[in-house]
Amino acid sequence: MPSGEDTAALAAMPISNPSDRASRRSVTASKLLWSRGLELEELQLKLAKMQGLLGDLYELHEDIAAPLSEDMNEALQTATTGVELRHGVVEPFLKVLSTAISNHQV
């Protein structure tokens, strides 16, 4: 692979014949292809790292979601029990209060 200096030297040379022009194009295209290949390798490494981080994030989400779901189920059960207890207390209390008011009015 030609170095940057070699490419610069080729670029500075006057183009006297078509074979020199083709040679310069070949060197430029080769260098461009090489740099794109390196960029692609770097992007693949970054993608692999991002995939690992995404997997870690998913595991963290699962670790948080499971206990939260359990807590929500427990809260729902507690609220349901509270409503049942309230109905169990309020209805008899209203009957007693209604009876007391009726007896007082008589």
Protein backbone atom coordinates (compact mmCIF):
# COMPACT_ATOMS: atom_id res chain seq x y z
CA MET A 1 0.00 0.00 0.00
CA PRO A 2 1.53 3.37 -0.92
CA SER A 3 2.15 5.82 1.86
CA GLY A 4 0.71 9.31 1.99
CA GLU A 5 4.05 10.71 0.81
CA ASP A 6 4.07 8.40 -2.22
CA THR A 7 0.57 9.48 -3.13
CA ALA A 8 1.46 13.14 -2.68
CA ALA A 9 4.53 12.69 -4.89
CA LEU A 10 2.43 11.03 -7.56
CA ALA A 11 -0.13 13.81 -7.36
CA ALA A 12 2.59 16.46 -7.78
CA MET A 13 4.04 14.84 -10.91
CA PRO A 14 2.83 16.28 -14.19
CA ILE A 15 0.66 13.90 -16.13
CA SER A 16 2.56 13.31 -19.33
CA ASN A 17 1.06 10.10 -20.58
CA PRO A 18 -2.14 8.10 -20.06
CA SER A 19 -0.39 5.28 -18.19
CA ASP A 20 0.76 7.75 -15.49
CA ARG A 21 -2.79 9.05 -15.23
CA ALA A 22 -4.15 5.52 -14.86
CA SER A 23 -1.48 4.72 -12.28
CA ARG A 24 -2.41 7.78 -10.23
CA ARG A 25 -6.10 6.90 -10.41
CA SER A 26 -5.30 3.37 -9.34
CA VAL A 27 -3.27 4.58 -6.35
CA THR A 28 -5.96 7.07 -5.35
CA ALA A 29 -8.73 4.49 -5.68
CA SER A 30 -6.71 1.92 -3.74
CA LYS A 31 -6.00 4.38 -0.96
CA LEU A 32 -9.65 5.42 -0.79
CA LEU A 33 -10.78 1.79 -0.70
CA TRP A 34 -8.25 1.03 2.06
CA SER A 35 -9.46 3.96 4.20
CA ARG A 36 -13.09 2.95 3.72
CA GLY A 37 -12.21 -0.59 4.78
CA LEU A 38 -10.58 0.73 7.96
CA GLU A 39 -13.60 2.91 8.68
CA LEU A 40 -15.86 -0.10 8.20
CA GLU A 41 -13.78 -2.16 10.66
CA GLU A 42 -14.01 0.65 13.23
CA LEU A 43 -17.77 0.84 12.78
CA GLN A 44 -18.09 -2.92 13.19
CA LEU A 45 -16.17 -2.74 16.48
CA LYS A 46 -18.41 0.09 17.68
CA LEU A 47 -21.49 -1.88 16.66
CA ALA A 48 -20.30 -4.94 18.59
CA LYS A 49 -19.72 -2.76 21.65
CA MET A 50 -23.18 -1.20 21.30
CA GLN A 51 -24.76 -4.65 21.02
CA GLY A 52 -23.04 -5.67 24.26
CA LEU A 53 -24.25 -2.52 25.99
CA LEU A 54 -27.77 -3.09 24.69
CA GLY A 55 -27.70 -6.61 26.13
CA ASP A 56 -26.54 -5.23 29.48
CA LEU A 57 -29.32 -2.64 29.39
CA TYR A 58 -31.91 -5.34 28.67
CA GLU A 59 -30.69 -7.40 31.64
CA LEU A 60 -30.85 -4.32 33.87
CA HIS A 61 -34.40 -3.65 32.69
CA GLU A 62 -35.38 -7.23 33.52
CA ASP A 63 -33.76 -6.94 36.97
CA ILE A 64 -35.82 -3.82 37.69
CA ALA A 65 -39.09 -4.89 36.04
CA ALA A 66 -39.50 -8.21 37.88
CA PRO A 67 -39.50 -6.78 41.45
CA LEU A 68 -41.57 -3.81 40.31
CA SER A 69 -44.20 -6.15 38.90
CA GLU A 70 -44.26 -8.07 42.18
CA ASP A 71 -44.62 -4.82 44.14
CA MET A 72 -47.48 -3.68 41.90
CA ASN A 73 -49.30 -7.00 42.39
CA GLU A 74 -48.87 -6.70 46.15
CA ALA A 75 -50.13 -3.10 46.09
CA LEU A 76 -53.18 -4.17 44.09
CA GLN A 77 -53.94 -6.96 46.55
CA THR A 78 -53.59 -4.55 49.47
CA ALA A 79 -55.90 -2.03 47.81
CA THR A 80 -58.47 -4.73 47.06
CA THR A 81 -58.34 -5.93 50.66
CA GLY A 82 -58.74 -2.33 51.83
CA VAL A 83 -61.84 -1.84 49.70
CA GLU A 84 -63.32 -5.10 50.97
CA LEU A 85 -62.63 -4.09 54.58
CA ARG A 86 -64.16 -0.68 53.99
CA HIS A 87 -67.33 -2.24 52.61
CA GLY A 88 -67.35 -4.65 55.54
CA VAL A 89 -67.17 -1.77 58.03
CA VAL A 90 -69.16 0.95 56.27
CA GLU A 91 -72.29 -1.09 55.53
CA PRO A 92 -72.81 -2.34 59.12
CA PHE A 93 -71.99 1.14 60.44
CA LEU A 94 -74.61 2.69 58.16
CA LYS A 95 -77.19 0.14 59.34
CA VAL A 96 -76.42 0.91 62.98
CA LEU A 97 -76.47 4.65 62.30
CA SER A 98 -79.74 4.37 60.37
CA THR A 99 -81.31 2.35 63.18
CA ALA A 100 -80.12 4.87 65.77
CA ILE A 101 -81.53 7.78 63.79
CA SER A 102 -84.84 5.95 63.26
CA ASN A 103 -85.11 5.16 66.97
CA HIS A 104 -84.26 8.74 67.87
CA GLN A 105 -86.95 10.15 65.58
CA VAL A 106 -89.67 8.00 67.05
